[in-house]
Amino acid sequence: MAVLDEGGHEVVSRDACRREHEVITSTSINDIAHDRTVWLAARHVPGRPTRQITDF
């Protein structure tokens, strides 16, 4: 994350496995946190189940 001279923040995200490169800029830290949470939740983590299974 970088703080921009004109105000706001710039965040660079890369996922080499998916060949994704994303740059977002925003003045709202809440918007950045939301975008990063959504981006991270979409990543595949080896060993993590792809869906949640609940036994009752």
Protein backbone atom coordinates (compact mmCIF):
# COMPACT_ATOMS: atom_id res chain seq x y z
CA MET A 1 0.00 0.00 0.00
CA ALA A 2 1.21 3.48 -0.80
CA VAL A 3 -0.05 6.85 0.38
CA LEU A 4 -0.62 9.14 -2.59
CA ASP A 5 0.54 12.77 -2.57
CA GLU A 6 -2.88 13.96 -3.70
CA GLY A 7 -4.56 11.99 -0.91
CA GLY A 8 -5.80 8.46 -0.69
CA HIS A 9 -4.05 5.14 -0.99
CA GLU A 10 -2.93 2.85 -3.79
CA VAL A 11 -2.93 -0.92 -3.30
CA VAL A 12 -1.29 -3.38 -5.69
CA SER A 13 -2.35 -7.04 -5.60
CA ARG A 14 -0.81 -9.87 -7.59
CA ASP A 15 -1.70 -13.53 -7.90
CA ALA A 16 0.89 -15.23 -10.10
CA CYS A 17 -1.05 -18.53 -10.14
CA ARG A 18 -4.06 -16.81 -11.70
CA ARG A 19 -1.98 -14.30 -13.66
CA GLU A 20 -3.85 -11.46 -11.99
CA HIS A 21 -2.51 -8.00 -11.31
CA GLU A 22 -4.81 -5.40 -9.82
CA VAL A 23 -4.20 -1.80 -8.73
CA ILE A 24 -6.86 0.07 -6.79
CA THR A 25 -6.84 3.61 -5.49
CA SER A 26 -9.25 5.03 -2.95
CA THR A 27 -9.55 7.73 -0.33
CA SER A 28 -11.63 5.42 1.87
CA ILE A 29 -9.71 2.93 3.99
CA ASN A 30 -13.03 1.09 4.50
CA ASP A 31 -13.42 0.59 0.74
CA ILE A 32 -9.85 -0.68 0.52
CA ALA A 33 -10.42 -3.11 3.40
CA HIS A 34 -13.61 -4.39 1.74
CA ASP A 35 -11.92 -4.85 -1.65
CA ARG A 36 -8.94 -6.68 -0.10
CA THR A 37 -11.21 -8.96 1.93
CA VAL A 38 -13.17 -9.92 -1.18
CA TRP A 39 -9.97 -10.39 -3.18
CA LEU A 40 -8.35 -12.57 -0.51
CA ALA A 41 -11.49 -14.67 -0.04
CA ALA A 42 -11.41 -15.55 -3.75
CA ARG A 43 -7.85 -16.98 -3.57
CA HIS A 44 -7.32 -20.72 -3.66
CA VAL A 45 -5.37 -21.96 -0.69
CA PRO A 46 -3.94 -25.48 -1.09
CA GLY A 47 -5.41 -27.80 1.50
CA ARG A 48 -8.42 -25.59 2.19
CA PRO A 49 -11.79 -27.11 1.26
CA THR A 50 -13.45 -25.43 -1.70
CA ARG A 51 -16.77 -25.35 0.09
CA GLN A 52 -17.94 -25.63 3.66
CA ILE A 53 -19.56 -28.87 4.78
CA THR A 54 -21.40 -28.98 8.06
CA ASP A 55 -22.53 -32.23 9.68
CA PHE A 56 -25.45 -31.94 12.08
